[in-house]
């Protein structure tokens, strides 16, 4: 049986012109460049085609997260291996060479976690590194759930690039600010509440301890203290986001109980 060792690099976009040209330049070493666009209204698709990408459109509809388009892109890939890249992530040449060697190896895993270097308040954050993301896999071994922050489901063995290999990490161009992260939390917390609704049976009690737990994990266990004031701010914002999710779940439970009483 002949295995397809070629790689399709997939980039998901919606009004992604800010970084897209640079991102696509770093992907020219792969066998296919596929852009899955969610009906952008700027010149994202023109930039993609100028860089040699094949563009397919995923109807955006009511979707405000990328996950529903992930499997769509995988299904449209032409080759046996897939590398998923966000529209604000650079792939260093060392990573390209590493992935090409892996795809041609007889003992390659079916999925690979890749570290990511993140930025906040104008500096690279060491506390969150390696921030591993499962983005490289055999196309026929992967199914990607359509829920927010879902991890792709790999039918087989997965491996991870060691954290010490920073030259093989994605470079996340999004240099987030307090405002941009707060805006993202407001938008995504509802999706997170939807995802966690079946698992959080006591959201009121969770509200008392989970934000504190998230802060301590980010600031102490993951080393936020090493990043100075930005590390403290990032840890506090993480706790605030968790509190917002718990508040939304508590509100849903409160209204559901009142509705039950009304119907009695």
Protein backbone atom coordinates (compact mmCIF):
# COMPACT_ATOMS: atom_id res chain seq x y z
CA UNK A 1 0.00 0.00 0.00
CA UNK A 2 1.34 3.41 -1.01
CA UNK A 3 1.08 6.19 1.56
CA UNK A 4 0.62 9.82 0.58
CA UNK A 5 3.39 11.71 2.39
CA UNK A 6 2.44 15.07 0.93
CA UNK A 7 1.15 17.83 3.20
CA UNK A 8 -1.77 20.23 2.83
CA UNK A 9 -1.42 23.39 4.92
CA UNK A 10 -4.85 24.78 5.82
CA UNK A 11 -5.46 28.35 6.96
CA UNK A 12 -8.88 29.43 8.26
CA UNK A 13 -9.86 33.03 7.61
CA UNK A 14 -12.44 35.70 8.19
CA UNK A 15 -11.35 39.26 7.38
CA UNK A 16 -7.77 38.17 8.04
CA UNK A 17 -5.85 40.56 5.80
CA UNK A 18 -3.70 41.96 8.66
CA UNK A 19 -1.29 39.01 8.91
CA UNK A 20 -2.38 36.69 6.10
CA UNK A 21 0.34 37.58 3.57
CA UNK A 22 3.12 36.89 6.08
CA UNK A 23 1.47 33.66 7.23
CA UNK A 24 1.11 32.32 3.70
CA UNK A 25 4.71 33.23 2.87
CA UNK A 26 5.84 30.84 5.62
CA UNK A 27 3.74 28.01 4.15
CA UNK A 28 5.19 27.97 0.65
CA UNK A 29 7.25 24.85 1.45
CA UNK A 30 4.21 22.60 1.66
CA UNK A 31 2.58 20.64 -1.17
CA UNK A 32 -0.80 22.38 -1.08
CA UNK A 33 -1.94 25.65 0.41
CA UNK A 34 -5.66 25.70 1.19
CA UNK A 35 -7.51 28.71 2.61
CA UNK A 36 -10.93 28.02 4.13
CA UNK A 37 -12.68 31.38 4.19
CA UNK A 38 -15.82 32.13 6.20
CA UNK A 39 -17.20 34.75 3.77
CA UNK A 40 -14.72 37.57 4.39
CA UNK A 41 -15.82 41.07 3.43
CA UNK A 42 -12.30 42.46 2.94
CA UNK A 43 -9.58 41.40 0.46
CA UNK A 44 -8.60 38.24 2.35
CA UNK A 45 -9.44 35.93 -0.57
CA UNK A 46 -7.55 38.11 -3.07
CA UNK A 47 -4.44 37.98 -0.88
CA UNK A 48 -4.78 34.20 -0.56
CA UNK A 49 -5.00 33.68 -4.31
CA UNK A 50 -2.08 36.03 -4.95
CA UNK A 51 0.01 33.81 -2.66
CA UNK A 52 -0.95 30.70 -4.63
CA UNK A 53 -3.57 29.30 -2.27
CA UNK A 54 -6.67 27.40 -3.30
CA UNK A 55 -9.67 29.09 -1.66
CA UNK A 56 -12.84 27.31 -0.58
CA UNK A 57 -15.74 29.02 1.16
CA UNK A 58 -17.42 27.79 4.33
CA UNK A 59 -20.82 29.51 4.77
CA UNK A 60 -20.48 31.62 7.92
CA UNK A 61 -24.16 31.84 8.75
CA UNK A 62 -24.53 32.22 12.51
CA UNK A 63 -21.08 30.79 13.24
CA UNK A 64 -18.74 33.10 15.16
CA UNK A 65 -16.05 30.50 15.92
CA UNK A 66 -13.70 28.64 13.60
CA UNK A 67 -14.31 25.06 14.79
CA UNK A 68 -17.35 24.34 12.57
CA UNK A 69 -15.10 25.01 9.54
CA UNK A 70 -12.21 22.79 10.66
CA UNK A 71 -13.57 19.46 9.42
CA UNK A 72 -14.82 21.14 6.25
CA UNK A 73 -11.25 22.15 5.45
CA UNK A 74 -9.86 18.72 6.28
CA UNK A 75 -12.39 17.12 3.94
CA UNK A 76 -11.24 19.46 1.13
CA UNK A 77 -7.52 18.74 1.59
CA UNK A 78 -5.89 16.94 -1.33
CA UNK A 79 -3.07 15.16 0.50
CA UNK A 80 -2.52 12.56 3.19
CA UNK A 81 -1.20 14.91 5.88
CA UNK A 82 -2.77 18.13 7.15
CA UNK A 83 -1.21 21.08 8.98
CA UNK A 84 -3.80 23.42 10.50
CA UNK A 85 -2.62 27.02 10.87
CA UNK A 86 -4.51 30.03 12.18
CA UNK A 87 -4.40 33.25 10.16
CA UNK A 88 -2.12 34.91 12.73
CA UNK A 89 0.45 32.11 13.14
CA UNK A 90 3.83 31.87 11.43
CA UNK A 91 5.46 28.53 10.65
CA UNK A 92 9.25 28.80 10.95
CA UNK A 93 11.34 27.02 8.28
CA UNK A 94 12.73 24.64 10.90
CA UNK A 95 9.18 23.43 11.63
CA UNK A 96 8.43 23.00 7.93
CA UNK A 97 11.51 20.80 7.49
CA UNK A 98 10.68 18.84 10.67
CA UNK A 99 7.12 18.11 9.53
CA UNK A 100 8.20 17.04 6.05
CA UNK A 101 10.66 14.57 7.55
CA UNK A 102 7.99 13.26 9.91
CA UNK A 103 5.46 12.77 7.10
CA UNK A 104 8.00 10.63 5.28
CA UNK A 105 8.92 8.53 8.30
CA UNK A 106 7.69 4.96 8.62
CA UNK A 107 7.12 5.32 12.39
CA UNK A 108 5.44 8.73 12.33
CA UNK A 109 2.58 9.26 14.83
CA UNK A 110 -0.92 9.89 13.53
CA UNK A 111 -1.10 13.30 15.22
CA UNK A 112 1.41 15.81 16.55
CA UNK A 113 1.17 18.57 19.17
CA UNK A 114 3.13 21.68 18.20
CA UNK A 115 4.23 24.30 20.77
CA UNK A 116 3.22 27.92 20.31
CA UNK A 117 4.93 31.18 21.32
CA UNK A 118 2.39 33.79 22.47
CA UNK A 119 2.53 37.55 23.05
CA UNK A 120 0.64 39.86 25.40
CA UNK A 121 1.02 43.57 26.23
CA UNK A 122 3.98 43.86 23.86
CA UNK A 123 6.15 40.99 25.12
CA UNK A 124 6.55 37.27 24.60
CA UNK A 125 4.93 35.38 27.44
CA UNK A 126 7.01 32.59 28.92
CA UNK A 127 4.39 31.54 31.46
CA UNK A 128 2.05 29.96 28.92
CA UNK A 129 4.73 28.22 26.88
CA UNK A 130 4.72 25.62 25.34
CA UNK A 131 0.90 26.03 24.83
CA UNK A 132 0.78 22.79 22.75
CA UNK A 133 -1.83 22.56 19.99
CA UNK A 134 -2.72 19.42 18.03
CA UNK A 135 -2.46 20.72 14.48
CA UNK A 136 -0.56 18.13 12.39
CA UNK A 137 -2.15 14.77 11.57
CA UNK A 138 -3.03 12.19 8.96
CA UNK A 139 -6.12 13.43 7.15
CA UNK A 140 -7.98 10.10 7.28
CA UNK A 141 -7.30 9.69 11.01
CA UNK A 142 -8.88 12.94 12.21
CA UNK A 143 -12.34 14.16 13.10
CA UNK A 144 -12.66 17.71 14.44
CA UNK A 145 -15.71 18.45 16.67
CA UNK A 146 -17.57 21.67 15.91
CA UNK A 147 -17.51 23.05 19.47
CA UNK A 148 -15.34 25.94 20.68
CA UNK A 149 -11.76 25.07 21.66
CA UNK A 150 -12.39 21.44 20.69
CA UNK A 151 -9.35 19.20 20.31
CA UNK A 152 -9.25 17.14 17.10
CA UNK A 153 -10.03 13.47 17.66
CA UNK A 154 -7.19 11.32 16.32
CA UNK A 155 -7.73 7.64 15.58
CA UNK A 156 -4.24 6.51 16.48
CA UNK A 157 -1.06 7.53 18.25
CA UNK A 158 -0.20 11.14 19.04
CA UNK A 159 3.13 12.68 19.97
CA UNK A 160 4.40 16.14 20.92
CA UNK A 161 7.36 18.30 19.97
CA UNK A 162 9.44 18.80 23.14
CA UNK A 163 9.12 22.23 24.75
CA UNK A 164 12.89 22.72 24.55
CA UNK A 165 12.63 22.85 20.74
CA UNK A 166 11.45 26.48 20.60
CA UNK A 167 12.71 26.82 17.03
CA UNK A 168 9.91 24.40 16.04
CA UNK A 169 7.11 26.42 17.68
CA UNK A 170 4.38 28.39 15.95
CA UNK A 171 4.91 32.13 16.32
CA UNK A 172 1.57 33.62 17.33
CA UNK A 173 1.47 37.13 15.89
CA UNK A 174 -1.55 38.25 17.88
CA UNK A 175 0.00 40.74 20.32
CA UNK A 176 -3.04 40.95 22.53
CA UNK A 177 -3.96 43.81 24.81
CA UNK A 178 -6.20 43.90 27.88
CA UNK A 179 -9.00 45.31 25.72
CA UNK A 180 -8.71 42.72 22.94
CA UNK A 181 -8.68 39.82 25.41
CA UNK A 182 -11.66 41.23 27.31
CA UNK A 183 -13.56 41.61 24.04
CA UNK A 184 -12.74 38.02 23.09
CA UNK A 185 -13.86 36.76 26.50
CA UNK A 186 -17.20 38.53 26.16
CA UNK A 187 -17.77 36.98 22.74
CA UNK A 188 -16.55 33.45 23.47
CA UNK A 189 -17.79 32.94 27.03
CA UNK A 190 -21.27 32.03 25.80
CA UNK A 191 -19.83 29.30 23.57
CA UNK A 192 -17.76 28.05 26.50
CA UNK A 193 -20.87 28.01 28.69
CA UNK A 194 -22.65 25.95 26.04
CA UNK A 195 -19.77 23.50 25.93
CA UNK A 196 -19.54 23.11 29.69
CA UNK A 197 -23.27 23.14 30.52
CA UNK A 198 -23.54 19.37 30.80
CA UNK A 199 -20.49 19.05 33.06
CA UNK A 200 -21.04 21.95 35.46
CA UNK A 201 -23.83 20.82 37.77
CA UNK A 202 -23.18 23.39 40.50
CA UNK A 203 -22.27 26.68 38.75
CA UNK A 204 -23.03 28.72 41.88
CA UNK A 205 -20.51 26.75 43.91
CA UNK A 206 -18.07 26.81 41.00
CA UNK A 207 -18.23 30.60 41.06
CA UNK A 208 -16.80 30.60 44.58
CA UNK A 209 -13.65 28.62 43.80
CA UNK A 210 -12.97 28.16 40.09
CA UNK A 211 -11.83 31.75 39.31
CA UNK A 212 -9.39 31.56 42.22
CA UNK A 213 -8.17 28.16 41.02
CA UNK A 214 -7.61 29.49 37.49
CA UNK A 215 -5.66 32.46 38.82
CA UNK A 216 -3.43 30.31 41.01
CA UNK A 217 -2.82 27.84 38.21
CA UNK A 218 -1.87 30.52 35.71
CA UNK A 219 0.12 32.74 38.05
CA UNK A 220 1.86 30.18 40.26
CA UNK A 221 1.80 26.74 38.63
CA UNK A 222 2.32 27.94 35.03
CA UNK A 223 4.76 30.65 36.03
CA UNK A 224 2.85 33.85 35.34
CA UNK A 225 4.94 35.47 38.05
CA UNK A 226 7.99 35.19 35.77
CA UNK A 227 6.42 37.60 33.27
CA UNK A 228 6.12 40.53 35.67
CA UNK A 229 3.09 42.81 35.48
CA UNK A 230 1.83 41.38 32.13
CA UNK A 231 1.87 37.92 33.71
CA UNK A 232 -0.19 39.14 36.66
CA UNK A 233 -2.67 40.91 34.38
CA UNK A 234 -3.03 37.85 32.13
CA UNK A 235 -3.67 35.60 35.13
CA UNK A 236 -6.31 37.96 36.53
CA UNK A 237 -8.04 38.16 33.15
CA UNK A 238 -8.09 34.38 32.95
CA UNK A 239 -9.80 34.25 36.33
CA UNK A 240 -12.30 36.92 35.24
CA UNK A 241 -13.15 34.93 32.13
CA UNK A 242 -13.78 31.82 34.22
CA UNK A 243 -16.02 33.88 36.53
CA UNK A 244 -17.99 35.13 33.52
CA UNK A 245 -18.57 31.58 32.29
CA UNK A 246 -19.70 30.49 35.77
CA UNK A 247 -22.04 33.50 35.99
CA UNK A 248 -23.68 32.61 32.67
CA UNK A 249 -24.13 28.99 33.74
CA UNK A 250 -25.56 30.08 37.11
CA UNK A 251 -28.01 32.41 35.36
CA UNK A 252 -29.20 29.61 33.10
CA UNK A 253 -29.72 27.27 36.03
CA UNK A 254 -31.58 29.95 37.99
CA UNK A 255 -33.99 30.66 35.13
CA UNK A 256 -34.48 26.94 34.46
CA UNK A 257 -35.45 26.33 38.12
CA UNK A 258 -37.85 29.27 38.14
CA UNK A 259 -39.44 28.01 34.94
CA UNK A 260 -39.98 24.61 36.53
CA UNK A 261 -41.66 26.22 39.55
CA UNK A 262 -43.90 28.29 37.29
CA UNK A 263 -45.03 25.19 35.42
CA UNK A 264 -45.94 23.32 38.62
